[in-house]
Amino acid sequence: MEKKVIVKIKDLLKKHNISLRELSRLTDIRHAALSELSNQKRENINFGHIEKIADALQIDDIREIIDLIDR
């Protein structure tokens, strides 16, 4: 079965009680790029973005940010 990587932006926003715009400000990642990640519209993931999100939200476990699911 084929796998897909999911970036759990919506879960992070809810857990940390922040908006996408606030996450954009905290991470210095374009709002549009975060929106695309949030809506699973991106085919490629920038690891620099994942690192910035982890730093901004003080996340130590990458599994809080990304997941691997069956398509």
N, C-alpha and C. Protein backbone atom coordinates (compact mmCIF):
# COMPACT_ATOMS: atom_id res chain seq x y z
N MET A 1 0.84 -1.19 0.00
CA MET A 1 0.00 0.00 0.00
C MET A 1 0.88 1.25 0.00
N GLU A 2 0.45 2.25 -0.71
CA GLU A 2 1.19 3.50 -0.84
C GLU A 2 1.02 4.35 0.42
N LYS A 3 2.09 5.04 0.81
CA LYS A 3 2.08 5.90 1.99
C LYS A 3 2.07 7.37 1.60
N LYS A 4 1.62 8.20 2.52
CA LYS A 4 1.61 9.64 2.31
C LYS A 4 2.02 10.33 3.61
N VAL A 5 2.87 11.35 3.49
CA VAL A 5 3.28 12.15 4.64
C VAL A 5 2.28 13.28 4.82
N ILE A 6 1.80 13.42 6.03
CA ILE A 6 0.83 14.47 6.38
C ILE A 6 1.51 15.44 7.35
N VAL A 7 1.40 16.73 7.07
CA VAL A 7 1.88 17.76 8.00
C VAL A 7 0.67 18.22 8.79
N LYS A 8 0.73 18.06 10.10
CA LYS A 8 -0.44 18.25 10.96
C LYS A 8 -0.56 19.70 11.46
N ILE A 9 -0.59 20.64 10.53
CA ILE A 9 -0.66 22.06 10.88
C ILE A 9 -1.95 22.36 11.64
N LYS A 10 -3.08 21.86 11.15
CA LYS A 10 -4.37 22.16 11.80
C LYS A 10 -4.39 21.68 13.24
N ASP A 11 -3.84 20.50 13.50
CA ASP A 11 -3.77 19.98 14.87
C ASP A 11 -2.89 20.87 15.74
N LEU A 12 -1.78 21.33 15.18
CA LEU A 12 -0.86 22.18 15.94
C LEU A 12 -1.51 23.52 16.28
N LEU A 13 -2.23 24.09 15.32
CA LEU A 13 -2.90 25.36 15.56
C LEU A 13 -3.90 25.24 16.70
N LYS A 14 -4.66 24.15 16.67
CA LYS A 14 -5.67 23.92 17.71
C LYS A 14 -4.99 23.69 19.06
N LYS A 15 -3.98 22.83 19.09
CA LYS A 15 -3.30 22.49 20.35
C LYS A 15 -2.66 23.72 20.99
N HIS A 16 -2.07 24.58 20.16
CA HIS A 16 -1.35 25.76 20.68
C HIS A 16 -2.22 27.02 20.68
N ASN A 17 -3.47 26.85 20.25
CA ASN A 17 -4.45 27.94 20.26
C ASN A 17 -3.92 29.20 19.54
N ILE A 18 -3.43 28.98 18.32
CA ILE A 18 -2.94 30.09 17.51
C ILE A 18 -3.53 30.00 16.11
N SER A 19 -3.45 31.08 15.38
CA SER A 19 -3.93 31.11 14.01
C SER A 19 -2.80 30.77 13.05
N LEU A 20 -3.16 30.50 11.83
CA LEU A 20 -2.17 30.25 10.78
C LEU A 20 -1.31 31.49 10.58
N ARG A 21 -1.93 32.65 10.65
CA ARG A 21 -1.18 33.90 10.49
C ARG A 21 -0.17 34.08 11.62
N GLU A 22 -0.56 33.71 12.84
CA GLU A 22 0.36 33.81 13.98
C GLU A 22 1.52 32.83 13.82
N LEU A 23 1.23 31.62 13.36
CA LEU A 23 2.30 30.64 13.12
C LEU A 23 3.24 31.17 12.04
N SER A 24 2.70 31.80 11.03
CA SER A 24 3.51 32.40 9.98
C SER A 24 4.46 33.45 10.57
N ARG A 25 3.92 34.28 11.44
CA ARG A 25 4.73 35.32 12.07
C ARG A 25 5.82 34.72 12.96
N LEU A 26 5.46 33.70 13.74
CA LEU A 26 6.41 33.07 14.66
C LEU A 26 7.55 32.35 13.93
N THR A 27 7.23 31.79 12.78
CA THR A 27 8.20 30.96 12.06
C THR A 27 8.90 31.67 10.91
N ASP A 28 8.36 32.81 10.51
CA ASP A 28 8.86 33.53 9.33
C ASP A 28 8.73 32.66 8.07
N ILE A 29 7.62 31.90 8.02
CA ILE A 29 7.27 31.11 6.84
C ILE A 29 6.06 31.79 6.21
N ARG A 30 6.07 31.92 4.90
CA ARG A 30 4.94 32.58 4.22
C ARG A 30 3.62 31.92 4.59
N HIS A 31 2.62 32.75 4.81
CA HIS A 31 1.28 32.27 5.15
C HIS A 31 0.78 31.30 4.08
N ALA A 32 1.01 31.62 2.82
CA ALA A 32 0.56 30.76 1.72
C ALA A 32 1.20 29.38 1.79
N ALA A 33 2.48 29.32 2.13
CA ALA A 33 3.17 28.03 2.23
C ALA A 33 2.59 27.20 3.37
N LEU A 34 2.32 27.84 4.51
CA LEU A 34 1.71 27.13 5.64
C LEU A 34 0.31 26.66 5.29
N SER A 35 -0.42 27.48 4.58
CA SER A 35 -1.77 27.12 4.16
C SER A 35 -1.74 25.89 3.26
N GLU A 36 -0.82 25.86 2.33
CA GLU A 36 -0.68 24.72 1.43
C GLU A 36 -0.33 23.46 2.22
N LEU A 37 0.57 23.57 3.19
CA LEU A 37 0.92 22.43 4.04
C LEU A 37 -0.30 21.97 4.83
N SER A 38 -1.02 22.92 5.37
CA SER A 38 -2.20 22.62 6.18
C SER A 38 -3.27 21.89 5.39
N ASN A 39 -3.42 22.25 4.12
CA ASN A 39 -4.45 21.65 3.27
C ASN A 39 -3.92 20.50 2.42
N GLN A 40 -2.73 20.03 2.73
CA GLN A 40 -2.11 18.89 2.02
C GLN A 40 -1.99 19.15 0.52
N LYS A 41 -1.70 20.39 0.16
CA LYS A 41 -1.57 20.78 -1.25
C LYS A 41 -0.12 20.73 -1.74
N ARG A 42 0.82 20.52 -0.84
CA ARG A 42 2.22 20.50 -1.23
C ARG A 42 2.71 19.07 -1.43
N GLU A 43 3.46 18.85 -2.47
CA GLU A 43 4.04 17.54 -2.74
C GLU A 43 5.40 17.38 -2.07
N ASN A 44 6.07 18.51 -1.84
CA ASN A 44 7.40 18.49 -1.22
C ASN A 44 7.35 19.20 0.12
N ILE A 45 8.14 18.69 1.05
CA ILE A 45 8.20 19.30 2.37
C ILE A 45 9.59 19.89 2.57
N ASN A 46 9.61 21.14 2.96
CA ASN A 46 10.87 21.83 3.26
C ASN A 46 11.22 21.53 4.71
N PHE A 47 12.31 20.79 4.94
CA PHE A 47 12.69 20.44 6.30
C PHE A 47 13.02 21.66 7.13
N GLY A 48 13.46 22.73 6.48
CA GLY A 48 13.70 23.98 7.19
C GLY A 48 12.41 24.51 7.81
N HIS A 49 11.29 24.34 7.10
CA HIS A 49 9.99 24.76 7.62
C HIS A 49 9.62 23.92 8.84
N ILE A 50 9.85 22.61 8.76
CA ILE A 50 9.53 21.73 9.89
C ILE A 50 10.36 22.14 11.11
N GLU A 51 11.63 22.44 10.89
CA GLU A 51 12.51 22.88 11.99
C GLU A 51 12.02 24.18 12.60
N LYS A 52 11.60 25.13 11.76
CA LYS A 52 11.11 26.42 12.26
C LYS A 52 9.83 26.25 13.07
N ILE A 53 8.95 25.38 12.60
CA ILE A 53 7.71 25.11 13.33
C ILE A 53 8.03 24.48 14.69
N ALA A 54 8.93 23.52 14.69
CA ALA A 54 9.33 22.87 15.94
C ALA A 54 9.93 23.88 16.91
N ASP A 55 10.80 24.75 16.42
CA ASP A 55 11.41 25.76 17.28
C ASP A 55 10.36 26.72 17.84
N ALA A 56 9.49 27.21 16.98
CA ALA A 56 8.50 28.20 17.39
C ALA A 56 7.52 27.65 18.42
N LEU A 57 7.17 26.38 18.28
CA LEU A 57 6.17 25.78 19.17
C LEU A 57 6.79 24.90 20.25
N GLN A 58 8.13 24.93 20.33
CA GLN A 58 8.88 24.17 21.33
C GLN A 58 8.51 22.69 21.29
N ILE A 59 8.59 22.12 20.10
CA ILE A 59 8.27 20.71 19.88
C ILE A 59 9.57 19.92 19.76
N ASP A 60 9.66 18.82 20.51
CA ASP A 60 10.86 17.98 20.49
C ASP A 60 10.66 16.69 19.69
N ASP A 61 9.42 16.31 19.45
CA ASP A 61 9.11 15.06 18.77
C ASP A 61 8.48 15.37 17.40
N ILE A 62 9.18 15.02 16.34
CA ILE A 62 8.71 15.34 14.98
C ILE A 62 7.35 14.73 14.69
N ARG A 63 6.98 13.67 15.41
CA ARG A 63 5.68 13.03 15.18
C ARG A 63 4.52 13.93 15.55
N GLU A 64 4.78 15.00 16.31
CA GLU A 64 3.73 15.97 16.60
C GLU A 64 3.43 16.83 15.35
N ILE A 65 4.39 16.89 14.45
CA ILE A 65 4.27 17.75 13.27
C ILE A 65 3.90 16.98 12.01
N ILE A 66 4.50 15.82 11.82
CA ILE A 66 4.22 15.03 10.61
C ILE A 66 3.77 13.63 10.98
N ASP A 67 3.06 13.02 10.06
CA ASP A 67 2.58 11.66 10.24
C ASP A 67 2.68 10.94 8.90
N LEU A 68 2.73 9.64 8.94
CA LEU A 68 2.79 8.81 7.74
C LEU A 68 1.53 7.94 7.73
N ILE A 69 0.73 8.09 6.68
CA ILE A 69 -0.53 7.34 6.62
C ILE A 69 -0.61 6.54 5.33
N ASP A 70 -1.52 5.59 5.32
CA ASP A 70 -1.84 4.87 4.09
C ASP A 70 -2.74 5.74 3.24
N ARG A 71 -2.50 5.73 1.94
CA ARG A 71 -3.37 6.51 1.03
C ARG A 71 -4.69 5.84 0.86
